[in-house]
C-alpha cells in the first residue's frame, strides 16, 4: 500500500477518534455533574485502576504500555474537565 493511501486511512481513524473523544468528554461532563450533586470526589483511584486493567486486556501485549499511557492521560484530562465544569448557578 502506498503512503498516501495509508495516510488516508489514518485520517479516517483520526476523525473517528475525535468523534469518540468528543462523546467521551460529554459523558465525563455528565458524570462530573452527578458527582458534584452527590458530593463525590472527582478522583476515584480504584475505578481508574480497575478500568485500566480492563482496557489493557483489550490490546496485544506490545500495545499495553501505550494504552496505559493513553488512558492515564485521558483520566487526567477527564478529572481536570470535571473539576472545571461550571457549578450550577455560577458562570
PDB file of N, CA and C in Angstrom:
ATOM      1  N   UNK A   1       0.859  -1.179   0.000  1.00  0.00           N
ATOM      2  CA  UNK A   1       0.000   0.000   0.000  1.00  0.00           C
ATOM      3  C   UNK A   1       0.903   1.239   0.000  1.00  0.00           C
ATOM      4  N   UNK A   2       0.483   2.229  -0.737  1.00  0.00           N
ATOM      5  CA  UNK A   2       1.252   3.462  -0.861  1.00  0.00           C
ATOM      6  C   UNK A   2       1.040   4.376   0.349  1.00  0.00           C
ATOM      7  N   UNK A   3       2.000   5.263   0.545  1.00  0.00           N
ATOM      8  CA  UNK A   3       1.974   6.182   1.686  1.00  0.00           C
ATOM      9  C   UNK A   3       0.691   7.007   1.729  1.00  0.00           C
ATOM     10  N   UNK A   4       0.278   7.542   0.594  1.00  0.00           N
ATOM     11  CA  UNK A   4      -0.919   8.391   0.581  1.00  0.00           C
ATOM     12  C   UNK A   4      -2.170   7.593   0.961  1.00  0.00           C
ATOM     13  N   UNK A   5      -2.246   6.355   0.541  1.00  0.00           N
ATOM     14  CA  UNK A   5      -3.395   5.522   0.902  1.00  0.00           C
ATOM     15  C   UNK A   5      -3.395   5.241   2.398  1.00  0.00           C
ATOM     16  N   UNK A   6      -2.226   4.964   2.953  1.00  0.00           N
ATOM     17  CA  UNK A   6      -2.121   4.744   4.399  1.00  0.00           C
ATOM     18  C   UNK A   6      -2.484   6.008   5.167  1.00  0.00           C
ATOM     19  N   UNK A   7      -2.054   7.149   4.662  1.00  0.00           N
ATOM     20  CA  UNK A   7      -2.394   8.421   5.316  1.00  0.00           C
ATOM     21  C   UNK A   7      -3.896   8.683   5.260  1.00  0.00           C
ATOM     22  N   UNK A   8      -4.534   8.310   4.178  1.00  0.00           N
ATOM     23  CA  UNK A   8      -5.991   8.476   4.076  1.00  0.00           C
ATOM     24  C   UNK A   8      -6.694   7.614   5.124  1.00  0.00           C
ATOM     25  N   UNK A   9      -6.197   6.404   5.325  1.00  0.00           N
ATOM     26  CA  UNK A   9      -6.752   5.535   6.364  1.00  0.00           C
ATOM     27  C   UNK A   9      -6.528   6.165   7.731  1.00  0.00           C
ATOM     28  N   UNK A  10      -5.335   6.672   7.977  1.00  0.00           N
ATOM     29  CA  UNK A  10      -5.017   7.317   9.255  1.00  0.00           C
ATOM     30  C   UNK A  10      -5.920   8.529   9.489  1.00  0.00           C
ATOM     31  N   UNK A  11      -6.177   9.294   8.434  1.00  0.00           N
ATOM     32  CA  UNK A  11      -7.067  10.458   8.558  1.00  0.00           C
ATOM     33  C   UNK A  11      -8.467  10.038   8.987  1.00  0.00           C
ATOM     34  N   UNK A  12      -8.962   8.942   8.426  1.00  0.00           N
ATOM     35  CA  UNK A  12     -10.281   8.443   8.794  1.00  0.00           C
ATOM     36  C   UNK A  12     -10.292   7.979  10.251  1.00  0.00           C
ATOM     37  N   UNK A  13      -9.256   7.280  10.651  1.00  0.00           N
ATOM     38  CA  UNK A  13      -9.133   6.835  12.047  1.00  0.00           C
ATOM     39  C   UNK A  13      -9.109   8.050  12.970  1.00  0.00           C
ATOM     40  N   UNK A  14      -8.373   9.085  12.587  1.00  0.00           N
ATOM     41  CA  UNK A  14      -8.312  10.292  13.413  1.00  0.00           C
ATOM     42  C   UNK A  14      -9.676  10.963  13.547  1.00  0.00           C
ATOM     43  N   UNK A  15     -10.447  10.981  12.467  1.00  0.00           N
ATOM     44  CA  UNK A  15     -11.802  11.556  12.546  1.00  0.00           C
ATOM     45  C   UNK A  15     -12.661  10.742  13.513  1.00  0.00           C
ATOM     46  N   UNK A  16     -12.543   9.427  13.447  1.00  0.00           N
ATOM     47  CA  UNK A  16     -13.292   8.560  14.355  1.00  0.00           C
ATOM     48  C   UNK A  16     -12.857   8.778  15.802  1.00  0.00           C
ATOM     49  N   UNK A  17     -11.545   8.899  16.014  1.00  0.00           N
ATOM     50  CA  UNK A  17     -11.035   9.142  17.370  1.00  0.00           C
ATOM     51  C   UNK A  17     -11.558  10.455  17.933  1.00  0.00           C
ATOM     52  N   UNK A  18     -11.564  11.498  17.107  1.00  0.00           N
ATOM     53  CA  UNK A  18     -12.056  12.798  17.584  1.00  0.00           C
ATOM     54  C   UNK A  18     -13.531  12.731  17.939  1.00  0.00           C
ATOM     55  N   UNK A  19     -14.312  12.028  17.137  1.00  0.00           N
ATOM     56  CA  UNK A  19     -15.742  11.881  17.444  1.00  0.00           C
ATOM     57  C   UNK A  19     -15.918  11.108  18.750  1.00  0.00           C
ATOM     58  N   UNK A  20     -15.144  10.055  18.931  1.00  0.00           N
ATOM     59  CA  UNK A  20     -15.229   9.264  20.173  1.00  0.00           C
ATOM     60  C   UNK A  20     -14.756  10.086  21.369  1.00  0.00           C
ATOM     61  N   UNK A  21     -13.704  10.871  21.180  1.00  0.00           N
ATOM     62  CA  UNK A  21     -13.208  11.713  22.264  1.00  0.00           C
ATOM     63  C   UNK A  21     -14.272  12.728  22.669  1.00  0.00           C
ATOM     64  N   UNK A  22     -14.905  13.362  21.690  1.00  0.00           N
ATOM     65  CA  UNK A  22     -15.964  14.333  21.981  1.00  0.00           C
ATOM     66  C   UNK A  22     -17.081  13.666  22.774  1.00  0.00           C
ATOM     67  N   UNK A  23     -17.501  12.499  22.328  1.00  0.00           N
ATOM     68  CA  UNK A  23     -18.564  11.761  23.020  1.00  0.00           C
ATOM     69  C   UNK A  23     -18.152  11.399  24.436  1.00  0.00           C
ATOM     70  N   UNK A  24     -16.902  10.938  24.584  1.00  0.00           N
ATOM     71  CA  UNK A  24     -16.395  10.557  25.913  1.00  0.00           C
ATOM     72  C   UNK A  24     -16.422  11.749  26.856  1.00  0.00           C
ATOM     73  N   UNK A  25     -15.975  12.905  26.385  1.00  0.00           N
ATOM     74  CA  UNK A  25     -15.920  14.082  27.249  1.00  0.00           C
ATOM     75  C   UNK A  25     -17.311  14.594  27.588  1.00  0.00           C
ATOM     76  N   UNK A  26     -18.276  14.398  26.715  1.00  0.00           N
ATOM     77  CA  UNK A  26     -19.658  14.758  27.036  1.00  0.00           C
ATOM     78  C   UNK A  26     -20.160  13.888  28.192  1.00  0.00           C
ATOM     79  N   UNK A  27     -19.808  12.610  28.165  1.00  0.00           N
ATOM     80  CA  UNK A  27     -20.198  11.716  29.258  1.00  0.00           C
ATOM     81  C   UNK A  27     -19.445  12.084  30.531  1.00  0.00           C
ATOM     82  N   UNK A  28     -18.172  12.439  30.388  1.00  0.00           N
ATOM     83  CA  UNK A  28     -17.364  12.880  31.528  1.00  0.00           C
ATOM     84  C   UNK A  28     -18.035  14.071  32.212  1.00  0.00           C
ATOM     85  N   UNK A  29     -18.534  15.007  31.424  1.00  0.00           N
ATOM     86  CA  UNK A  29     -19.200  16.182  31.994  1.00  0.00           C
ATOM     87  C   UNK A  29     -20.449  15.769  32.775  1.00  0.00           C
ATOM     88  N   UNK A  30     -21.199  14.833  32.236  1.00  0.00           N
ATOM     89  CA  UNK A  30     -22.410  14.367  32.928  1.00  0.00           C
ATOM     90  C   UNK A  30     -22.043  13.651  34.227  1.00  0.00           C
ATOM     91  N   UNK A  31     -20.994  12.843  34.181  1.00  0.00           N
ATOM     92  CA  UNK A  31     -20.535  12.161  35.396  1.00  0.00           C
ATOM     93  C   UNK A  31     -20.073  13.187  36.424  1.00  0.00           C
ATOM     94  N   UNK A  32     -19.329  14.199  35.971  1.00  0.00           N
ATOM     95  CA  UNK A  32     -18.848  15.239  36.877  1.00  0.00           C
ATOM     96  C   UNK A  32     -19.987  15.979  37.552  1.00  0.00           C
ATOM     97  N   UNK A  33     -21.012  16.302  36.781  1.00  0.00           N
ATOM     98  CA  UNK A  33     -22.171  17.000  37.350  1.00  0.00           C
ATOM     99  C   UNK A  33     -22.873  16.114  38.378  1.00  0.00           C
ATOM    100  N   UNK A  34     -23.008  14.849  38.073  1.00  0.00           N
ATOM    101  CA  UNK A  34     -23.646  13.915  39.005  1.00  0.00           C
ATOM    102  C   UNK A  34     -22.823  13.759  40.278  1.00  0.00           C
ATOM    103  N   UNK A  35     -21.505  13.629  40.119  1.00  0.00           N
ATOM    104  CA  UNK A  35     -20.632  13.513  41.289  1.00  0.00           C
ATOM    105  C   UNK A  35     -20.773  14.751  42.173  1.00  0.00           C
ATOM    106  N   UNK A  36     -20.846  15.902  41.541  1.00  0.00           N
ATOM    107  CA  UNK A  36     -20.968  17.151  42.299  1.00  0.00           C
ATOM    108  C   UNK A  36     -22.258  17.165  43.111  1.00  0.00           C
ATOM    109  N   UNK A  37     -23.367  16.752  42.510  1.00  0.00           N
ATOM    110  CA  UNK A  37     -24.641  16.773  43.239  1.00  0.00           C
ATOM    111  C   UNK A  37     -24.656  15.764  44.381  1.00  0.00           C
ATOM    112  N   UNK A  38     -23.880  14.692  44.237  1.00  0.00           N
ATOM    113  CA  UNK A  38     -23.830  13.658  45.275  1.00  0.00           C
ATOM    114  C   UNK A  38     -22.687  13.874  46.262  1.00  0.00           C
ATOM    115  N   UNK A  39     -21.909  14.947  46.048  1.00  0.00           N
ATOM    116  CA  UNK A  39     -20.811  15.249  46.947  1.00  0.00           C
ATOM    117  C   UNK A  39     -19.648  14.266  46.848  1.00  0.00           C
ATOM    118  N   UNK A  40     -19.479  13.653  45.680  1.00  0.00           N
ATOM    119  CA  UNK A  40     -18.404  12.678  45.487  1.00  0.00           C
ATOM    120  C   UNK A  40     -17.148  13.355  44.952  1.00  0.00           C
ATOM    121  N   UNK A  41     -16.007  12.783  45.283  1.00  0.00           N
ATOM    122  CA  UNK A  41     -14.735  13.275  44.761  1.00  0.00           C
ATOM    123  C   UNK A  41     -14.640  12.992  43.264  1.00  0.00           C
ATOM    124  N   UNK A  42     -13.951  13.864  42.563  1.00  0.00           N
ATOM    125  CA  UNK A  42     -13.705  13.657  41.138  1.00  0.00           C
ATOM    126  C   UNK A  42     -12.822  12.425  40.945  1.00  0.00           C
ATOM    127  N   UNK A  43     -11.778  12.310  41.733  1.00  0.00           N
ATOM    128  CA  UNK A  43     -10.835  11.202  41.602  1.00  0.00           C
ATOM    129  C   UNK A  43     -11.365   9.949  42.292  1.00  0.00           C
ATOM    130  N   UNK A  44     -11.406   8.868  41.531  1.00  0.00           N
ATOM    131  CA  UNK A  44     -11.756   7.552  42.063  1.00  0.00           C
ATOM    132  C   UNK A  44     -10.650   6.598  41.614  1.00  0.00           C
ATOM    133  N   UNK A  45      -9.593   6.536  42.431  1.00  0.00           N
ATOM    134  CA  UNK A  45      -8.411   5.734  42.069  1.00  0.00           C
ATOM    135  C   UNK A  45      -8.756   4.276  41.807  1.00  0.00           C
ATOM    136  N   UNK A  46      -9.617   3.687  42.617  1.00  0.00           N
ATOM    137  CA  UNK A  46      -9.985   2.283  42.427  1.00  0.00           C
ATOM    138  C   UNK A  46     -10.653   2.079  41.072  1.00  0.00           C
ATOM    139  N   UNK A  47     -11.558   2.954  40.708  1.00  0.00           N
ATOM    140  CA  UNK A  47     -12.245   2.855  39.413  1.00  0.00           C
ATOM    141  C   UNK A  47     -11.246   2.993  38.266  1.00  0.00           C
ATOM    142  N   UNK A  48     -10.334   3.955  38.363  1.00  0.00           N
ATOM    143  CA  UNK A  48      -9.349   4.147  37.305  1.00  0.00           C
ATOM    144  C   UNK A  48      -8.450   2.919  37.168  1.00  0.00           C
ATOM    145  N   UNK A  49      -8.013   2.383  38.289  1.00  0.00           N
ATOM    146  CA  UNK A  49      -7.139   1.206  38.274  1.00  0.00           C
ATOM    147  C   UNK A  49      -7.869   0.009  37.651  1.00  0.00           C
ATOM    148  N   UNK A  50      -9.112  -0.183  38.049  1.00  0.00           N
ATOM    149  CA  UNK A  50      -9.929  -1.276  37.520  1.00  0.00           C
ATOM    150  C   UNK A  50     -10.141  -1.117  36.018  1.00  0.00           C
ATOM    151  N   UNK A  51     -10.507   0.083  35.609  1.00  0.00           N
ATOM    152  CA  UNK A  51     -10.763   0.357  34.200  1.00  0.00           C
ATOM    153  C   UNK A  51      -9.509   0.161  33.363  1.00  0.00           C
ATOM    154  N   UNK A  52      -8.370   0.618  33.858  1.00  0.00           N
ATOM    155  CA  UNK A  52      -7.109   0.470  33.139  1.00  0.00           C
ATOM    156  C   UNK A  52      -6.775  -1.006  32.938  1.00  0.00           C
ATOM    157  N   UNK A  53      -7.014  -1.817  33.956  1.00  0.00           N
ATOM    158  CA  UNK A  53      -6.790  -3.251  33.828  1.00  0.00           C
ATOM    159  C   UNK A  53      -7.661  -3.857  32.736  1.00  0.00           C
ATOM    160  N   UNK A  54      -8.919  -3.437  32.661  1.00  0.00           N
ATOM    161  CA  UNK A  54      -9.830  -3.926  31.622  1.00  0.00           C
ATOM    162  C   UNK A  54      -9.348  -3.515  30.229  1.00  0.00           C
ATOM    163  N   UNK A  55      -8.939  -2.274  30.102  1.00  0.00           N
ATOM    164  CA  UNK A  55      -8.525  -1.751  28.801  1.00  0.00           C
ATOM    165  C   UNK A  55      -7.261  -2.423  28.290  1.00  0.00           C
ATOM    166  N   UNK A  56      -6.315  -2.660  29.176  1.00  0.00           N
ATOM    167  CA  UNK A  56      -5.057  -3.295  28.791  1.00  0.00           C
ATOM    168  C   UNK A  56      -5.317  -4.705  28.262  1.00  0.00           C
ATOM    169  N   UNK A  57      -6.317  -5.363  28.783  1.00  0.00           N
ATOM    170  CA  UNK A  57      -6.643  -6.714  28.316  1.00  0.00           C
ATOM    171  C   UNK A  57      -7.277  -6.720  26.922  1.00  0.00           C
ATOM    172  N   UNK A  58      -7.676  -5.569  26.425  1.00  0.00           N
ATOM    173  CA  UNK A  58      -8.290  -5.482  25.103  1.00  0.00           C
ATOM    174  C   UNK A  58      -7.278  -5.400  23.963  1.00  0.00           C
ATOM    175  N   UNK A  59      -6.021  -5.182  24.301  1.00  0.00           N
ATOM    176  CA  UNK A  59      -4.995  -4.990  23.268  1.00  0.00           C
ATOM    177  C   UNK A  59      -3.901  -6.045  23.384  1.00  0.00           C
ATOM    178  N   UNK A  60      -3.074  -6.093  22.369  1.00  0.00           N
ATOM    179  CA  UNK A  60      -1.947  -7.017  22.383  1.00  0.00           C
ATOM    180  C   UNK A  60      -0.934  -6.575  23.434  1.00  0.00           C
ATOM    181  N   UNK A  61      -0.119  -7.512  23.929  1.00  0.00           N
ATOM    182  CA  UNK A  61       0.858  -7.163  24.970  1.00  0.00           C
ATOM    183  C   UNK A  61       1.785  -6.006  24.588  1.00  0.00           C
ATOM    184  N   UNK A  62       2.182  -5.931  23.327  1.00  0.00           N
ATOM    185  CA  UNK A  62       3.082  -4.835  22.942  1.00  0.00           C
ATOM    186  C   UNK A  62       2.392  -3.479  22.932  1.00  0.00           C
ATOM    187  N   UNK A  63       1.052  -3.470  22.861  1.00  0.00           N
ATOM    188  CA  UNK A  63       0.306  -2.216  22.904  1.00  0.00           C
ATOM    189  C   UNK A  63      -0.071  -1.810  24.325  1.00  0.00           C
ATOM    190  N   UNK A  64       0.009  -2.723  25.278  1.00  0.00           N
ATOM    191  CA  UNK A  64      -0.419  -2.459  26.657  1.00  0.00           C
ATOM    192  C   UNK A  64       0.214  -1.209  27.263  1.00  0.00           C
ATOM    193  N   UNK A  65       1.549  -1.019  27.150  1.00  0.00           N
ATOM    194  CA  UNK A  65       2.104   0.199  27.758  1.00  0.00           C
ATOM    195  C   UNK A  65       1.609   1.480  27.090  1.00  0.00           C
ATOM    196  N   UNK A  66       1.312   1.393  25.815  1.00  0.00           N
ATOM    197  CA  UNK A  66       0.836   2.581  25.096  1.00  0.00           C
ATOM    198  C   UNK A  66      -0.616   2.895  25.470  1.00  0.00           C
ATOM    199  N   UNK A  67      -1.421   1.853  25.618  1.00  0.00           N
ATOM    200  CA  UNK A  67      -2.809   2.051  26.058  1.00  0.00           C
ATOM    201  C   UNK A  67      -2.817   2.588  27.485  1.00  0.00           C
ATOM    202  N   UNK A  68      -1.927   2.068  28.314  1.00  0.00           N
ATOM    203  CA  UNK A  68      -1.816   2.566  29.689  1.00  0.00           C
ATOM    204  C   UNK A  68      -1.503   4.052  29.685  1.00  0.00           C
ATOM    205  N   UNK A  69      -0.527   4.440  28.905  1.00  0.00           N
ATOM    206  CA  UNK A  69      -0.135   5.858  28.834  1.00  0.00           C
ATOM    207  C   UNK A  69      -1.280   6.718  28.302  1.00  0.00           C
ATOM    208  N   UNK A  70      -1.948   6.239  27.246  1.00  0.00           N
ATOM    209  CA  UNK A  70      -3.067   6.976  26.658  1.00  0.00           C
ATOM    210  C   UNK A  70      -4.179   7.192  27.674  1.00  0.00           C
ATOM    211  N   UNK A  71      -4.561   6.136  28.369  1.00  0.00           N
ATOM    212  CA  UNK A  71      -5.687   6.257  29.295  1.00  0.00           C
ATOM    213  C   UNK A  71      -5.322   6.983  30.579  1.00  0.00           C
ATOM    214  N   UNK A  72      -4.087   6.895  30.997  1.00  0.00           N
ATOM    215  CA  UNK A  72      -3.691   7.715  32.151  1.00  0.00           C
ATOM    216  C   UNK A  72      -3.848   9.187  31.801  1.00  0.00           C
ATOM    217  N   UNK A  73      -3.493   9.551  30.574  1.00  0.00           N
ATOM    218  CA  UNK A  73      -3.681  10.929  30.127  1.00  0.00           C
ATOM    219  C   UNK A  73      -5.169  11.272  30.002  1.00  0.00           C
ATOM    220  N   UNK A  74      -5.955  10.360  29.440  1.00  0.00           N
ATOM    221  CA  UNK A  74      -7.395  10.604  29.329  1.00  0.00           C
ATOM    222  C   UNK A  74      -8.047  10.760  30.702  1.00  0.00           C
ATOM    223  N   UNK A  75      -7.652   9.919  31.650  1.00  0.00           N
ATOM    224  CA  UNK A  75      -8.198  10.035  33.004  1.00  0.00           C
ATOM    225  C   UNK A  75      -7.834  11.389  33.613  1.00  0.00           C
ATOM    226  N   UNK A  76      -6.587  11.797  33.430  1.00  0.00           N
ATOM    227  CA  UNK A  76      -6.140  13.097  33.960  1.00  0.00           C
ATOM    228  C   UNK A  76      -6.945  14.234  33.321  1.00  0.00           C
ATOM    229  N   UNK A  77      -7.111  14.181  32.014  1.00  0.00           N
ATOM    230  CA  UNK A  77      -7.873  15.219  31.313  1.00  0.00           C
ATOM    231  C   UNK A  77      -9.331  15.218  31.758  1.00  0.00           C
ATOM    232  N   UNK A  78      -9.882  14.042  31.959  1.00  0.00           N
ATOM    233  CA  UNK A  78     -11.275  13.932  32.390  1.00  0.00           C
ATOM    234  C   UNK A  78     -11.481  14.536  33.770  1.00  0.00           C
ATOM    235  N   UNK A  79     -10.548  14.238  34.682  1.00  0.00           N
ATOM    236  CA  UNK A  79     -10.650  14.821  36.033  1.00  0.00           C
ATOM    237  C   UNK A  79     -10.551  16.335  35.966  1.00  0.00           C
ATOM    238  N   UNK A  80      -9.615  16.836  35.183  1.00  0.00           N
ATOM    239  CA  UNK A  80      -9.448  18.285  35.043  1.00  0.00           C
ATOM    240  C   UNK A  80     -10.713  18.919  34.459  1.00  0.00           C
ATOM    241  N   UNK A  81     -11.280  18.283  33.470  1.00  0.00           N
ATOM    242  CA  UNK A  81     -12.508  18.785  32.847  1.00  0.00           C
ATOM    243  C   UNK A  81     -13.647  18.816  33.864  1.00  0.00           C
ATOM    244  N   UNK A  82     -13.792  17.754  34.643  1.00  0.00           N
ATOM    245  CA  UNK A  82     -14.837  17.705  35.663  1.00  0.00           C
ATOM    246  C   UNK A  82     -14.628  18.786  36.718  1.00  0.00           C
ATOM    247  N   UNK A  83     -13.392  18.984  37.127  1.00  0.00           N
ATOM    248  CA  UNK A  83     -13.110  19.986  38.158  1.00  0.00           C
ATOM    249  C   UNK A  83     -13.404  21.399  37.676  1.00  0.00           C
ATOM    250  N   UNK A  84     -13.327  21.623  36.371  1.00  0.00           N
ATOM    251  CA  UNK A  84     -13.522  22.956  35.818  1.00  0.00           C
ATOM    252  C   UNK A  84     -14.911  23.198  35.261  1.00  0.00           C
ATOM    253  N   UNK A  85     -15.797  22.233  35.448  1.00  0.00           N
ATOM    254  CA  UNK A  85     -17.177  22.433  34.994  1.00  0.00           C
ATOM    255  C   UNK A  85     -17.803  23.582  35.772  1.00  0.00           C
ATOM    256  N   UNK A  86     -18.585  24.409  35.093  1.00  0.00           N
ATOM    257  CA  UNK A  86     -19.263  25.472  35.837  1.00  0.00           C
ATOM    258  C   UNK A  86     -20.251  24.867  36.832  1.00  0.00           C
ATOM    259  N   UNK A  87     -20.284  25.463  38.005  1.00  0.00           N
ATOM    260  CA  UNK A  87     -21.222  24.986  39.024  1.00  0.00           C
ATOM    261  C   UNK A  87     -22.582  25.606  38.744  1.00  0.00           C
ATOM    262  N   UNK A  88     -23.616  24.858  39.094  1.00  0.00           N
ATOM    263  CA  UNK A  88     -24.969  25.347  38.876  1.00  0.00           C
ATOM    264  C   UNK A  88     -25.144  26.697  39.583  1.00  0.00           C
ATOM    265  N   UNK A  89     -25.676  27.655  38.837  1.00  0.00           N
ATOM    266  CA  UNK A  89     -25.898  28.982  39.402  1.00  0.00           C
ATOM    267  C   UNK A  89     -24.673  29.874  39.286  1.00  0.00           C
ATOM    268  N   UNK A  90     -23.578  29.318  38.734  1.00  0.00           N
ATOM    269  CA  UNK A  90     -22.365  30.117  38.529  1.00  0.00           C
ATOM    270  C   UNK A  90     -21.973  30.050  37.061  1.00  0.00           C
ATOM    271  N   UNK A  91     -21.414  31.129  36.535  1.00  0.00           N
ATOM    272  CA  UNK A  91     -20.993  31.115  35.112  1.00  0.00           C
ATOM    273  C   UNK A  91     -19.789  30.220  34.894  1.00  0.00           C
TER     274      UNK A  91
END
